[in-house]
Amino acid sequence: MKCLIVYRAGDRWFGSEVAWKRSGSGSYRETSGVDLPQSRAEIERFAREHDFSIEWRSPAPTDEPKAAESPAR
């Protein structure tokens, strides 16, 4: 399973795929950008379909709409 780092910038979700590379006697990680859907369910489905485990770097999105503010009385 590969690692997908998911983070928020502004009002959009972005992802980085992590690839581990060998270097001498050790290893390092190399990242590349991934275009992501913008809801939690779609991000999780994308991860399953592409064999990723998700590492959330921002609070995970909720798919519940924000409650409408009640008018001040």
C-alpha atoms as a PDB file:
ATOM      1  CA  MET A   1       0.000   0.000   0.000  1.00  0.00           C
ATOM      2  CA  LYS A   2       1.230   3.479  -0.904  1.00  0.00           C
ATOM      3  CA  CYS A   3       0.921   6.580   1.272  1.00  0.00           C
ATOM      4  CA  LEU A   4      -1.192   9.575   0.211  1.00  0.00           C
ATOM      5  CA  ILE A   5      -0.620  12.769   2.196  1.00  0.00           C
ATOM      6  CA  VAL A   6      -3.778  14.915   2.121  1.00  0.00           C
ATOM      7  CA  TYR A   7      -3.685  18.569   3.174  1.00  0.00           C
ATOM      8  CA  ARG A   8      -5.809  21.685   2.867  1.00  0.00           C
ATOM      9  CA  ALA A   9      -4.690  24.965   1.333  1.00  0.00           C
ATOM     10  CA  GLY A  10      -7.289  27.707   1.263  1.00  0.00           C
ATOM     11  CA  ASP A  11     -10.604  26.037   0.515  1.00  0.00           C
ATOM     12  CA  ARG A  12      -9.194  23.114  -1.550  1.00  0.00           C
ATOM     13  CA  TRP A  13      -7.798  19.666  -0.729  1.00  0.00           C
ATOM     14  CA  PHE A  14      -4.496  18.581  -2.262  1.00  0.00           C
ATOM     15  CA  GLY A  15      -2.602  15.319  -2.167  1.00  0.00           C
ATOM     16  CA  SER A  16       0.963  14.079  -2.450  1.00  0.00           C
ATOM     17  CA  GLU A  17       1.885  10.509  -3.327  1.00  0.00           C
ATOM     18  CA  VAL A  18       4.900   9.207  -1.404  1.00  0.00           C
ATOM     19  CA  ALA A  19       7.420   6.943  -3.151  1.00  0.00           C
ATOM     20  CA  TRP A  20      10.282   5.452  -1.140  1.00  0.00           C
ATOM     21  CA  LYS A  21      13.643   5.387  -2.959  1.00  0.00           C
ATOM     22  CA  ARG A  22      16.836   3.576  -2.027  1.00  0.00           C
ATOM     23  CA  SER A  23      20.004   5.560  -1.581  1.00  0.00           C
ATOM     24  CA  GLY A  24      23.206   3.787  -0.614  1.00  0.00           C
ATOM     25  CA  SER A  25      22.471   1.919   2.606  1.00  0.00           C
ATOM     26  CA  GLY A  26      19.364   3.983   3.413  1.00  0.00           C
ATOM     27  CA  SER A  27      16.245   5.331   1.772  1.00  0.00           C
ATOM     28  CA  TYR A  28      14.422   8.619   1.272  1.00  0.00           C
ATOM     29  CA  ARG A  29      10.921   9.584   0.309  1.00  0.00           C
ATOM     30  CA  GLU A  30       9.998  11.416  -2.837  1.00  0.00           C
ATOM     31  CA  THR A  31       6.611  13.100  -3.218  1.00  0.00           C
ATOM     32  CA  SER A  32       4.582  14.030  -6.274  1.00  0.00           C
ATOM     33  CA  GLY A  33       1.327  15.975  -6.476  1.00  0.00           C
ATOM     34  CA  VAL A  34      -1.994  14.191  -6.966  1.00  0.00           C
ATOM     35  CA  ASP A  35      -5.231  15.833  -8.121  1.00  0.00           C
ATOM     36  CA  LEU A  36      -7.917  14.964  -5.553  1.00  0.00           C
ATOM     37  CA  PRO A  37     -11.704  15.073  -5.422  1.00  0.00           C
ATOM     38  CA  GLN A  38     -13.038  17.569  -2.870  1.00  0.00           C
ATOM     39  CA  SER A  39     -15.213  15.528  -0.471  1.00  0.00           C
ATOM     40  CA  ARG A  40     -14.216  13.044   2.207  1.00  0.00           C
ATOM     41  CA  ALA A  41     -16.137  10.145   0.619  1.00  0.00           C
ATOM     42  CA  GLU A  42     -14.603  10.820  -2.802  1.00  0.00           C
ATOM     43  CA  ILE A  43     -11.073  11.158  -1.366  1.00  0.00           C
ATOM     44  CA  GLU A  44     -11.462   7.859   0.539  1.00  0.00           C
ATOM     45  CA  ARG A  45     -12.861   6.115  -2.580  1.00  0.00           C
ATOM     46  CA  PHE A  46      -9.966   7.479  -4.660  1.00  0.00           C
ATOM     47  CA  ALA A  47      -7.493   6.149  -2.069  1.00  0.00           C
ATOM     48  CA  ARG A  48      -9.099   2.667  -2.079  1.00  0.00           C
ATOM     49  CA  GLU A  49      -9.166   2.495  -5.885  1.00  0.00           C
ATOM     50  CA  HIS A  50      -5.482   3.448  -6.131  1.00  0.00           C
ATOM     51  CA  ASP A  51      -4.259   1.376  -3.147  1.00  0.00           C
ATOM     52  CA  PHE A  52      -3.353   4.371  -0.937  1.00  0.00           C
ATOM     53  CA  SER A  53      -3.421   4.728   2.818  1.00  0.00           C
ATOM     54  CA  ILE A  54      -4.375   8.305   3.758  1.00  0.00           C
ATOM     55  CA  GLU A  55      -2.238  10.460   6.031  1.00  0.00           C
ATOM     56  CA  TRP A  56      -4.390  13.513   6.882  1.00  0.00           C
ATOM     57  CA  ARG A  57      -2.219  16.613   7.465  1.00  0.00           C
ATOM     58  CA  SER A  58      -5.230  18.852   8.028  1.00  0.00           C
ATOM     59  CA  PRO A  59      -8.421  17.959   9.882  1.00  0.00           C
ATOM     60  CA  ALA A  60     -10.318  15.435   7.761  1.00  0.00           C
ATOM     61  CA  PRO A  61     -13.203  17.016   5.846  1.00  0.00           C
ATOM     62  CA  THR A  62     -16.778  16.407   6.877  1.00  0.00           C
ATOM     63  CA  ASP A  63     -19.446  15.992   4.253  1.00  0.00           C
ATOM     64  CA  GLU A  64     -22.142  17.504   6.441  1.00  0.00           C
ATOM     65  CA  PRO A  65     -23.255  20.952   5.283  1.00  0.00           C
ATOM     66  CA  LYS A  66     -22.688  23.745   7.771  1.00  0.00           C
ATOM     67  CA  ALA A  67     -25.758  24.577   9.826  1.00  0.00           C
ATOM     68  CA  ALA A  68     -27.415  27.781   8.733  1.00  0.00           C
ATOM     69  CA  GLU A  69     -26.894  30.537  11.235  1.00  0.00           C
ATOM     70  CA  SER A  70     -30.041  31.538  13.062  1.00  0.00           C
ATOM     71  CA  PRO A  71     -30.933  35.226  12.783  1.00  0.00           C
ATOM     72  CA  ALA A  72     -30.094  37.396  15.782  1.00  0.00           C
ATOM     73  CA  ARG A  73     -33.061  38.398  17.913  1.00  0.00           C
END
